[in-house]
Protein backbone atom coordinates (compact mmCIF):
# COMPACT_ATOMS: atom_id res chain seq x y z
CA MET A 1 -1.71 2.38 -33.61
CA LEU A 2 -0.33 3.30 -30.38
CA LYS A 3 3.07 2.11 -29.39
CA SER A 4 5.05 2.64 -26.46
CA GLU A 5 8.88 2.42 -25.94
CA TYR A 6 10.39 1.01 -22.71
CA SER A 7 14.23 0.95 -21.53
CA HIS A 8 14.27 -2.95 -22.83
CA LYS A 9 13.06 -1.57 -26.28
CA GLN A 10 10.23 -3.71 -26.54
CA THR A 11 6.99 -2.15 -28.09
CA ILE A 12 3.81 -2.76 -27.02
CA ASN A 13 0.73 -2.78 -29.11
CA GLN A 14 -2.63 -0.90 -28.39
CA THR A 15 -4.42 -4.08 -27.69
CA ASP A 16 -1.34 -5.33 -25.36
CA ALA A 17 -1.86 -1.69 -23.62
CA LYS A 18 -5.53 -2.15 -23.10
CA GLN A 19 -5.15 -5.90 -21.69
CA HIS A 20 -2.34 -4.19 -19.30
CA LEU A 21 -4.66 -1.56 -18.33
CA HIS A 22 -7.82 -3.72 -17.79
CA ASP A 23 -5.49 -6.26 -15.75
CA ILE A 24 -4.20 -3.42 -13.38
CA ARG A 25 -7.75 -1.58 -12.81
CA TYR A 26 -9.10 -5.26 -12.17
CA GLN A 27 -6.19 -5.52 -9.29
CA ARG A 28 -6.88 -2.43 -8.05
CA GLN A 29 -10.68 -3.36 -7.77
CA ASN A 30 -9.54 -6.26 -6.00
CA GLN A 31 -7.34 -4.22 -3.63
CA LEU A 32 -10.22 -1.87 -2.61
CA LYS A 33 -12.75 -4.83 -2.23
CA SER A 34 -10.32 -6.46 0.23
CA ILE A 35 -9.88 -3.07 1.86
CA VAL A 36 -13.43 -2.06 2.19
CA ASN A 37 -14.11 -6.03 3.77
CA GLU A 38 -11.35 -5.30 6.33
CA CYS A 39 -12.55 -2.05 7.50
CA HIS A 40 -16.00 -3.52 7.24
CA GLN A 41 -14.95 -6.23 9.70
CA LEU A 42 -13.03 -3.98 12.40
CA ARG A 43 -16.41 -1.77 12.44
CA ILE A 44 -18.24 -4.84 13.32
CA LEU A 45 -15.73 -5.68 15.73
CA HIS A 46 -15.79 -2.31 17.54
CA LYS A 47 -19.54 -1.99 18.11
């Protein structure tokens, strides 16, 4: 089993780590999507 240790001495298991990575990936995808949409809007405005 994969364990990580932090400064506050909490160990997380593999399931928690995978969920955390999944959450981060989801956030990044949403950020990217909003940035792409914003760029697309700017391109439309500047035609």
